[in-house]
Amino acid sequence: MWPLEDLGEEQRLSDVLEAIKFGNHKGAQSNPEAILKLVLKDVKHGYAVAFPLSKANLIPGILIAPMNLMHQNTIDETGRIVRERAINT
C-alpha cells in the first residue's frame, strides 16, 4: 500500500539513511559495468545527475531508491518467448 500523505522530514531522512546503508540490489551489484553504462546514458540525456552519496544529505527533500537489473523476456510475432539481455543500449 502506498502512503497518500506527505512524508514527514524525520521519516524521509530515516528512509534516505536506510537506502544508503542498504545499497543497490544484488542484480545491480553483480553487474556494475551495466549499471554504470545505464547511469551514464541517463546523465548524458539529462535524466539524471550523478553525485557522491556523501553529499546526498545536502539536497533538500531528496529520496533515494536502490537500483537493480532484471532479465526480461519478450515474445515474437508468433507468441514464442524470445530471450532478451538485461540491457538494450
PDB file of N, CA and C in Angstrom:
ATOM      1  N   MET A   1       0.846  -1.170   0.000  1.00  0.00           N
ATOM      2  CA  MET A   1       0.000   0.000   0.000  1.00  0.00           C
ATOM      3  C   MET A   1       0.898   1.242   0.000  1.00  0.00           C
ATOM      4  N   TRP A   2       0.570   2.203  -0.795  1.00  0.00           N
ATOM      5  CA  TRP A   2       1.345   3.435  -0.912  1.00  0.00           C
ATOM      6  C   TRP A   2       0.730   4.513  -0.035  1.00  0.00           C
ATOM      7  N   PRO A   3       1.555   5.215   0.740  1.00  0.00           N
ATOM      8  CA  PRO A   3       1.015   6.291   1.580  1.00  0.00           C
ATOM      9  C   PRO A   3       0.471   7.432   0.716  1.00  0.00           C
ATOM     10  N   LEU A   4      -0.608   8.019   1.167  1.00  0.00           N
ATOM     11  CA  LEU A   4      -1.227   9.115   0.432  1.00  0.00           C
ATOM     12  C   LEU A   4      -0.939  10.467   1.059  1.00  0.00           C
ATOM     13  N   GLU A   5      -0.176  10.465   2.129  1.00  0.00           N
ATOM     14  CA  GLU A   5       0.155  11.701   2.817  1.00  0.00           C
ATOM     15  C   GLU A   5       1.625  12.035   2.591  1.00  0.00           C
ATOM     16  N   ASP A   6       1.948  13.312   2.732  1.00  0.00           N
ATOM     17  CA  ASP A   6       3.350  13.726   2.611  1.00  0.00           C
ATOM     18  C   ASP A   6       4.193  12.999   3.642  1.00  0.00           C
ATOM     19  N   LEU A   7       5.398  12.702   3.248  1.00  0.00           N
ATOM     20  CA  LEU A   7       6.350  12.055   4.129  1.00  0.00           C
ATOM     21  C   LEU A   7       6.956  13.106   5.051  1.00  0.00           C
ATOM     22  N   GLY A   8       6.885  12.868   6.349  1.00  0.00           N
ATOM     23  CA  GLY A   8       7.476  13.793   7.301  1.00  0.00           C
ATOM     24  C   GLY A   8       8.989  13.836   7.150  1.00  0.00           C
ATOM     25  N   GLU A   9       9.578  14.955   7.520  1.00  0.00           N
ATOM     26  CA  GLU A   9      11.022  15.146   7.351  1.00  0.00           C
ATOM     27  C   GLU A   9      11.834  14.094   8.107  1.00  0.00           C
ATOM     28  N   GLU A  10      11.424  13.774   9.318  1.00  0.00           N
ATOM     29  CA  GLU A  10      12.156  12.779  10.110  1.00  0.00           C
ATOM     30  C   GLU A  10      12.109  11.409   9.431  1.00  0.00           C
ATOM     31  N   GLN A  11      10.951  11.021   8.931  1.00  0.00           N
ATOM     32  CA  GLN A  11      10.811   9.741   8.245  1.00  0.00           C
ATOM     33  C   GLN A  11      11.587   9.736   6.929  1.00  0.00           C
ATOM     34  N   ARG A  12      11.548  10.845   6.196  1.00  0.00           N
ATOM     35  CA  ARG A  12      12.280  10.951   4.939  1.00  0.00           C
ATOM     36  C   ARG A  12      13.770  10.768   5.168  1.00  0.00           C
ATOM     37  N   LEU A  13      14.313  11.460   6.161  1.00  0.00           N
ATOM     38  CA  LEU A  13      15.737  11.337   6.468  1.00  0.00           C
ATOM     39  C   LEU A  13      16.094   9.910   6.877  1.00  0.00           C
ATOM     40  N   SER A  14      15.224   9.292   7.654  1.00  0.00           N
ATOM     41  CA  SER A  14      15.435   7.905   8.064  1.00  0.00           C
ATOM     42  C   SER A  14      15.447   6.981   6.843  1.00  0.00           C
ATOM     43  N   ASP A  15      14.522   7.209   5.917  1.00  0.00           N
ATOM     44  CA  ASP A  15      14.460   6.400   4.701  1.00  0.00           C
ATOM     45  C   ASP A  15      15.711   6.584   3.848  1.00  0.00           C
ATOM     46  N   VAL A  16      16.208   7.811   3.735  1.00  0.00           N
ATOM     47  CA  VAL A  16      17.416   8.084   2.950  1.00  0.00           C
ATOM     48  C   VAL A  16      18.611   7.349   3.553  1.00  0.00           C
ATOM     49  N   LEU A  17      18.768   7.428   4.869  1.00  0.00           N
ATOM     50  CA  LEU A  17      19.884   6.745   5.525  1.00  0.00           C
ATOM     51  C   LEU A  17      19.776   5.234   5.367  1.00  0.00           C
ATOM     52  N   GLU A  18      18.564   4.707   5.465  1.00  0.00           N
ATOM     53  CA  GLU A  18      18.355   3.269   5.292  1.00  0.00           C
ATOM     54  C   GLU A  18      18.691   2.833   3.863  1.00  0.00           C
ATOM     55  N   ALA A  19      18.293   3.630   2.875  1.00  0.00           N
ATOM     56  CA  ALA A  19      18.586   3.299   1.481  1.00  0.00           C
ATOM     57  C   ALA A  19      20.088   3.322   1.209  1.00  0.00           C
ATOM     58  N   ILE A  20      20.785   4.298   1.773  1.00  0.00           N
ATOM     59  CA  ILE A  20      22.239   4.372   1.601  1.00  0.00           C
ATOM     60  C   ILE A  20      22.905   3.163   2.249  1.00  0.00           C
ATOM     61  N   LYS A  21      22.453   2.801   3.434  1.00  0.00           N
ATOM     62  CA  LYS A  21      23.019   1.646   4.137  1.00  0.00           C
ATOM     63  C   LYS A  21      22.740   0.352   3.367  1.00  0.00           C
ATOM     64  N   PHE A  22      21.543   0.230   2.797  1.00  0.00           N
ATOM     65  CA  PHE A  22      21.147  -0.977   2.065  1.00  0.00           C
ATOM     66  C   PHE A  22      21.957  -1.140   0.791  1.00  0.00           C
ATOM     67  N   GLY A  23      22.180  -0.050   0.079  1.00  0.00           N
ATOM     68  CA  GLY A  23      22.889  -0.114  -1.203  1.00  0.00           C
ATOM     69  C   GLY A  23      21.983  -0.617  -2.308  1.00  0.00           C
ATOM     70  N   ASN A  24      22.583  -0.986  -3.413  1.00  0.00           N
ATOM     71  CA  ASN A  24      21.815  -1.486  -4.548  1.00  0.00           C
ATOM     72  C   ASN A  24      21.444  -2.950  -4.354  1.00  0.00           C
ATOM     73  N   HIS A  25      20.472  -3.399  -5.145  1.00  0.00           N
ATOM     74  CA  HIS A  25      20.053  -4.788  -5.109  1.00  0.00           C
ATOM     75  C   HIS A  25      21.130  -5.670  -5.735  1.00  0.00           C
ATOM     76  N   LYS A  26      21.014  -6.987  -5.521  1.00  0.00           N
ATOM     77  CA  LYS A  26      22.029  -7.926  -6.000  1.00  0.00           C
ATOM     78  C   LYS A  26      22.240  -7.872  -7.510  1.00  0.00           C
ATOM     79  N   GLY A  27      21.163  -7.680  -8.266  1.00  0.00           N
ATOM     80  CA  GLY A  27      21.289  -7.619  -9.721  1.00  0.00           C
ATOM     81  C   GLY A  27      22.205  -6.488 -10.161  1.00  0.00           C
ATOM     82  N   ALA A  28      22.127  -5.367  -9.488  1.00  0.00           N
ATOM     83  CA  ALA A  28      22.982  -4.221  -9.812  1.00  0.00           C
ATOM     84  C   ALA A  28      24.396  -4.438  -9.297  1.00  0.00           C
ATOM     85  N   GLN A  29      24.511  -5.023  -8.123  1.00  0.00           N
ATOM     86  CA  GLN A  29      25.831  -5.261  -7.550  1.00  0.00           C
ATOM     87  C   GLN A  29      26.631  -6.274  -8.362  1.00  0.00           C
ATOM     88  N   SER A  30      25.934  -7.226  -8.992  1.00  0.00           N
ATOM     89  CA  SER A  30      26.634  -8.266  -9.742  1.00  0.00           C
ATOM     90  C   SER A  30      27.025  -7.812 -11.148  1.00  0.00           C
ATOM     91  N   ASN A  31      26.535  -6.650 -11.583  1.00  0.00           N
ATOM     92  CA  ASN A  31      26.860  -6.159 -12.922  1.00  0.00           C
ATOM     93  C   ASN A  31      27.091  -4.648 -12.883  1.00  0.00           C
ATOM     94  N   PRO A  32      28.130  -4.204 -12.162  1.00  0.00           N
ATOM     95  CA  PRO A  32      28.358  -2.761 -12.022  1.00  0.00           C
ATOM     96  C   PRO A  32      28.660  -2.051 -13.344  1.00  0.00           C
ATOM     97  N   GLU A  33      29.257  -2.774 -14.308  1.00  0.00           N
ATOM     98  CA  GLU A  33      29.546  -2.146 -15.597  1.00  0.00           C
ATOM     99  C   GLU A  33      28.251  -1.764 -16.319  1.00  0.00           C
ATOM    100  N   ALA A  34      27.253  -2.620 -16.234  1.00  0.00           N
ATOM    101  CA  ALA A  34      25.967  -2.342 -16.886  1.00  0.00           C
ATOM    102  C   ALA A  34      25.263  -1.170 -16.208  1.00  0.00           C
ATOM    103  N   ILE A  35      25.301  -1.128 -14.872  1.00  0.00           N
ATOM    104  CA  ILE A  35      24.680  -0.017 -14.135  1.00  0.00           C
ATOM    105  C   ILE A  35      25.361   1.289 -14.519  1.00  0.00           C
ATOM    106  N   LEU A  36      26.683   1.286 -14.562  1.00  0.00           N
ATOM    107  CA  LEU A  36      27.417   2.498 -14.938  1.00  0.00           C
ATOM    108  C   LEU A  36      27.027   2.949 -16.342  1.00  0.00           C
ATOM    109  N   LYS A  37      26.923   2.016 -17.261  1.00  0.00           N
ATOM    110  CA  LYS A  37      26.546   2.348 -18.634  1.00  0.00           C
ATOM    111  C   LYS A  37      25.153   2.986 -18.675  1.00  0.00           C
ATOM    112  N   LEU A  38      24.211   2.422 -17.926  1.00  0.00           N
ATOM    113  CA  LEU A  38      22.849   2.970 -17.898  1.00  0.00           C
ATOM    114  C   LEU A  38      22.807   4.352 -17.257  1.00  0.00           C
ATOM    115  N   VAL A  39      23.519   4.512 -16.148  1.00  0.00           N
ATOM    116  CA  VAL A  39      23.523   5.805 -15.458  1.00  0.00           C
ATOM    117  C   VAL A  39      24.176   6.872 -16.336  1.00  0.00           C
ATOM    118  N   LEU A  40      25.293   6.529 -16.964  1.00  0.00           N
ATOM    119  CA  LEU A  40      25.954   7.493 -17.847  1.00  0.00           C
ATOM    120  C   LEU A  40      25.046   7.907 -19.004  1.00  0.00           C
ATOM    121  N   LYS A  41      24.271   6.961 -19.516  1.00  0.00           N
ATOM    122  CA  LYS A  41      23.322   7.283 -20.591  1.00  0.00           C
ATOM    123  C   LYS A  41      22.257   8.262 -20.082  1.00  0.00           C
ATOM    124  N   ASP A  42      21.738   8.034 -18.871  1.00  0.00           N
ATOM    125  CA  ASP A  42      20.742   8.942 -18.295  1.00  0.00           C
ATOM    126  C   ASP A  42      21.326  10.330 -18.041  1.00  0.00           C
ATOM    127  N   VAL A  43      22.564  10.394 -17.568  1.00  0.00           N
ATOM    128  CA  VAL A  43      23.218  11.682 -17.335  1.00  0.00           C
ATOM    129  C   VAL A  43      23.417  12.409 -18.661  1.00  0.00           C
ATOM    130  N   LYS A  44      23.890  11.683 -19.667  1.00  0.00           N
ATOM    131  CA  LYS A  44      24.129  12.274 -20.986  1.00  0.00           C
ATOM    132  C   LYS A  44      22.861  12.913 -21.554  1.00  0.00           C
ATOM    133  N   HIS A  45      21.714  12.273 -21.346  1.00  0.00           N
ATOM    134  CA  HIS A  45      20.451  12.770 -21.902  1.00  0.00           C
ATOM    135  C   HIS A  45      19.701  13.704 -20.949  1.00  0.00           C
ATOM    136  N   GLY A  46      20.301  14.004 -19.797  1.00  0.00           N
ATOM    137  CA  GLY A  46      19.701  14.960 -18.876  1.00  0.00           C
ATOM    138  C   GLY A  46      18.616  14.409 -17.964  1.00  0.00           C
ATOM    139  N   TYR A  47      18.528  13.077 -17.848  1.00  0.00           N
ATOM    140  CA  TYR A  47      17.519  12.473 -16.973  1.00  0.00           C
ATOM    141  C   TYR A  47      18.031  12.246 -15.550  1.00  0.00           C
ATOM    142  N   ALA A  48      19.331  12.386 -15.349  1.00  0.00           N
ATOM    143  CA  ALA A  48      19.924  12.110 -14.043  1.00  0.00           C
ATOM    144  C   ALA A  48      21.132  13.006 -13.827  1.00  0.00           C
ATOM    145  N   VAL A  49      21.454  13.199 -12.574  1.00  0.00           N
ATOM    146  CA  VAL A  49      22.657  13.923 -12.174  1.00  0.00           C
ATOM    147  C   VAL A  49      23.392  13.025 -11.189  1.00  0.00           C
ATOM    148  N   ALA A  50      24.647  12.782 -11.443  1.00  0.00           N
ATOM    149  CA  ALA A  50      25.449  11.936 -10.557  1.00  0.00           C
ATOM    150  C   ALA A  50      26.153  12.799  -9.516  1.00  0.00           C
ATOM    151  N   PHE A  51      26.182  12.307  -8.287  1.00  0.00           N
ATOM    152  CA  PHE A  51      26.877  12.991  -7.199  1.00  0.00           C
ATOM    153  C   PHE A  51      27.269  11.944  -6.168  1.00  0.00           C
ATOM    154  N   PRO A  52      28.257  12.242  -5.347  1.00  0.00           N
ATOM    155  CA  PRO A  52      28.672  11.281  -4.313  1.00  0.00           C
ATOM    156  C   PRO A  52      27.569  11.115  -3.261  1.00  0.00           C
ATOM    157  N   LEU A  53      27.354   9.896  -2.800  1.00  0.00           N
ATOM    158  CA  LEU A  53      26.352   9.658  -1.758  1.00  0.00           C
ATOM    159  C   LEU A  53      26.636  10.470  -0.495  1.00  0.00           C
ATOM    160  N   SER A  54      27.895  10.780  -0.272  1.00  0.00           N
ATOM    161  CA  SER A  54      28.247  11.563   0.922  1.00  0.00           C
ATOM    162  C   SER A  54      27.649  12.965   0.882  1.00  0.00           C
ATOM    163  N   LYS A  55      27.204  13.402  -0.291  1.00  0.00           N
ATOM    164  CA  LYS A  55      26.601  14.736  -0.431  1.00  0.00           C
ATOM    165  C   LYS A  55      25.069  14.684  -0.503  1.00  0.00           C
ATOM    166  N   ALA A  56      24.488  13.509  -0.431  1.00  0.00           N
ATOM    167  CA  ALA A  56      23.042  13.351  -0.587  1.00  0.00           C
ATOM    168  C   ALA A  56      22.262  14.180   0.434  1.00  0.00           C
ATOM    169  N   ASN A  57      22.750  14.255   1.645  1.00  0.00           N
ATOM    170  CA  ASN A  57      22.020  14.985   2.692  1.00  0.00           C
ATOM    171  C   ASN A  57      22.012  16.496   2.460  1.00  0.00           C
ATOM    172  N   LEU A  58      22.776  16.984   1.484  1.00  0.00           N
ATOM    173  CA  LEU A  58      22.794  18.414   1.173  1.00  0.00           C
ATOM    174  C   LEU A  58      21.690  18.814   0.193  1.00  0.00           C
ATOM    175  N   ILE A  59      21.002  17.831  -0.370  1.00  0.00           N
ATOM    176  CA  ILE A  59      19.954  18.099  -1.356  1.00  0.00           C
ATOM    177  C   ILE A  59      18.605  18.084  -0.639  1.00  0.00           C
ATOM    178  N   PRO A  60      17.948  19.239  -0.544  1.00  0.00           N
ATOM    179  CA  PRO A  60      16.672  19.307   0.178  1.00  0.00           C
ATOM    180  C   PRO A  60      15.615  18.382  -0.425  1.00  0.00           C
ATOM    181  N   GLY A  61      14.952  17.620   0.424  1.00  0.00           N
ATOM    182  CA  GLY A  61      13.847  16.770   0.005  1.00  0.00           C
ATOM    183  C   GLY A  61      14.229  15.520  -0.768  1.00  0.00           C
ATOM    184  N   ILE A  62      15.521  15.178  -0.802  1.00  0.00           N
ATOM    185  CA  ILE A  62      15.962  14.027  -1.587  1.00  0.00           C
ATOM    186  C   ILE A  62      15.336  12.729  -1.081  1.00  0.00           C
ATOM    187  N   LEU A  63      15.056  11.848  -2.012  1.00  0.00           N
ATOM    188  CA  LEU A  63      14.662  10.470  -1.733  1.00  0.00           C
ATOM    189  C   LEU A  63      15.579   9.584  -2.559  1.00  0.00           C
ATOM    190  N   ILE A  64      15.912   8.417  -2.040  1.00  0.00           N
ATOM    191  CA  ILE A  64      16.842   7.521  -2.711  1.00  0.00           C
ATOM    192  C   ILE A  64      16.206   6.143  -2.811  1.00  0.00           C
ATOM    193  N   ALA A  65      16.381   5.503  -3.968  1.00  0.00           N
ATOM    194  CA  ALA A  65      15.892   4.140  -4.163  1.00  0.00           C
ATOM    195  C   ALA A  65      17.025   3.280  -4.710  1.00  0.00           C
ATOM    196  N   PRO A  66      17.159   2.058  -4.228  1.00  0.00           N
ATOM    197  CA  PRO A  66      18.194   1.157  -4.738  1.00  0.00           C
ATOM    198  C   PRO A  66      17.966   0.837  -6.209  1.00  0.00           C
ATOM    199  N   MET A  67      19.046   0.595  -6.928  1.00  0.00           N
ATOM    200  CA  MET A  67      18.951   0.211  -8.337  1.00  0.00           C
ATOM    201  C   MET A  67      19.014  -1.304  -8.446  1.00  0.00           C
ATOM    202  N   ASN A  68      18.496  -1.805  -9.568  1.00  0.00           N
ATOM    203  CA  ASN A  68      18.545  -3.237  -9.835  1.00  0.00           C
ATOM    204  C   ASN A  68      18.519  -3.464 -11.337  1.00  0.00           C
ATOM    205  N   LEU A  69      18.943  -4.616 -11.755  1.00  0.00           N
ATOM    206  CA  LEU A  69      18.841  -5.064 -13.147  1.00  0.00           C
ATOM    207  C   LEU A  69      18.047  -6.357 -13.157  1.00  0.00           C
ATOM    208  N   MET A  70      17.124  -6.459 -14.091  1.00  0.00           N
ATOM    209  CA  MET A  70      16.322  -7.669 -14.212  1.00  0.00           C
ATOM    210  C   MET A  70      16.404  -8.169 -15.645  1.00  0.00           C
ATOM    211  N   HIS A  71      16.547  -9.459 -15.798  1.00  0.00           N
ATOM    212  CA  HIS A  71      16.477 -10.056 -17.128  1.00  0.00           C
ATOM    213  C   HIS A  71      15.007 -10.171 -17.494  1.00  0.00           C
ATOM    214  N   GLN A  72      14.708  -9.875 -18.737  1.00  0.00           N
ATOM    215  CA  GLN A  72      13.320  -9.875 -19.166  1.00  0.00           C
ATOM    216  C   GLN A  72      13.219 -10.525 -20.540  1.00  0.00           C
ATOM    217  N   ASN A  73      12.235 -11.381 -20.695  1.00  0.00           N
ATOM    218  CA  ASN A  73      11.977 -11.987 -21.993  1.00  0.00           C
ATOM    219  C   ASN A  73      10.879 -11.208 -22.694  1.00  0.00           C
ATOM    220  N   THR A  74      10.752 -11.431 -23.976  1.00  0.00           N
ATOM    221  CA  THR A  74       9.679 -10.847 -24.756  1.00  0.00           C
ATOM    222  C   THR A  74       9.128 -11.944 -25.659  1.00  0.00           C
ATOM    223  N   ILE A  75       8.173 -11.624 -26.498  1.00  0.00           N
ATOM    224  CA  ILE A  75       7.655 -12.611 -27.436  1.00  0.00           C
ATOM    225  C   ILE A  75       7.799 -12.083 -28.858  1.00  0.00           C
ATOM    226  N   ASP A  76       7.892 -13.022 -29.805  1.00  0.00           N
ATOM    227  CA  ASP A  76       7.950 -12.608 -31.203  1.00  0.00           C
ATOM    228  C   ASP A  76       6.536 -12.557 -31.775  1.00  0.00           C
ATOM    229  N   GLU A  77       6.429 -12.339 -33.090  1.00  0.00           N
ATOM    230  CA  GLU A  77       5.112 -12.165 -33.711  1.00  0.00           C
ATOM    231  C   GLU A  77       4.249 -13.419 -33.663  1.00  0.00           C
ATOM    232  N   THR A  78       4.867 -14.584 -33.372  1.00  0.00           N
ATOM    233  CA  THR A  78       4.087 -15.819 -33.279  1.00  0.00           C
ATOM    234  C   THR A  78       3.770 -16.195 -31.832  1.00  0.00           C
ATOM    235  N   GLY A  79       4.222 -15.386 -30.893  1.00  0.00           N
ATOM    236  CA  GLY A  79       3.957 -15.655 -29.482  1.00  0.00           C
ATOM    237  C   GLY A  79       5.016 -16.492 -28.796  1.00  0.00           C
ATOM    238  N   ARG A  80       6.084 -16.818 -29.506  1.00  0.00           N
ATOM    239  CA  ARG A  80       7.174 -17.587 -28.893  1.00  0.00           C
ATOM    240  C   ARG A  80       8.022 -16.683 -28.004  1.00  0.00           C
ATOM    241  N   ILE A  81       8.477 -17.236 -26.896  1.00  0.00           N
ATOM    242  CA  ILE A  81       9.322 -16.474 -25.970  1.00  0.00           C
ATOM    243  C   ILE A  81      10.699 -16.270 -26.588  1.00  0.00           C
ATOM    244  N   VAL A  82      11.151 -15.037 -26.560  1.00  0.00           N
ATOM    245  CA  VAL A  82      12.467 -14.661 -27.069  1.00  0.00           C
ATOM    246  C   VAL A  82      13.264 -14.154 -25.881  1.00  0.00           C
ATOM    247  N   ARG A  83      14.388 -14.758 -25.648  1.00  0.00           N
ATOM    248  CA  ARG A  83      15.236 -14.330 -24.533  1.00  0.00           C
ATOM    249  C   ARG A  83      15.908 -13.008 -24.863  1.00  0.00           C
ATOM    250  N   GLU A  84      15.829 -12.062 -23.935  1.00  0.00           N
ATOM    251  CA  GLU A  84      16.436 -10.745 -24.114  1.00  0.00           C
ATOM    252  C   GLU A  84      17.564 -10.584 -23.116  1.00  0.00           C
ATOM    253  N   ARG A  85      18.496  -9.717 -23.426  1.00  0.00           N
ATOM    254  CA  ARG A  85      19.549  -9.375 -22.469  1.00  0.00           C
ATOM    255  C   ARG A  85      18.983  -8.396 -21.460  1.00  0.00           C
ATOM    256  N   ALA A  86      19.637  -8.230 -20.322  1.00  0.00           N
ATOM    257  CA  ALA A  86      19.175  -7.333 -19.269  1.00  0.00           C
ATOM    258  C   ALA A  86      19.175  -5.888 -19.734  1.00  0.00           C
ATOM    259  N   ILE A  87      20.081  -5.542 -20.655  1.00  0.00           N
ATOM    260  CA  ILE A  87      20.235  -4.151 -21.064  1.00  0.00           C
ATOM    261  C   ILE A  87      20.234  -4.070 -22.576  1.00  0.00           C
ATOM    262  N   ASN A  88      19.419  -3.203 -23.087  1.00  0.00           N
ATOM    263  CA  ASN A  88      19.422  -2.922 -24.523  1.00  0.00           C
ATOM    264  C   ASN A  88      19.823  -1.467 -24.696  1.00  0.00           C
ATOM    265  N   THR A  89      21.105  -1.218 -24.897  1.00  0.00           N
ATOM    266  CA  THR A  89      21.565   0.170 -25.034  1.00  0.00           C
ATOM    267  C   THR A  89      22.039   0.436 -26.425  1.00  0.00           C
TER     268      THR A  89
END
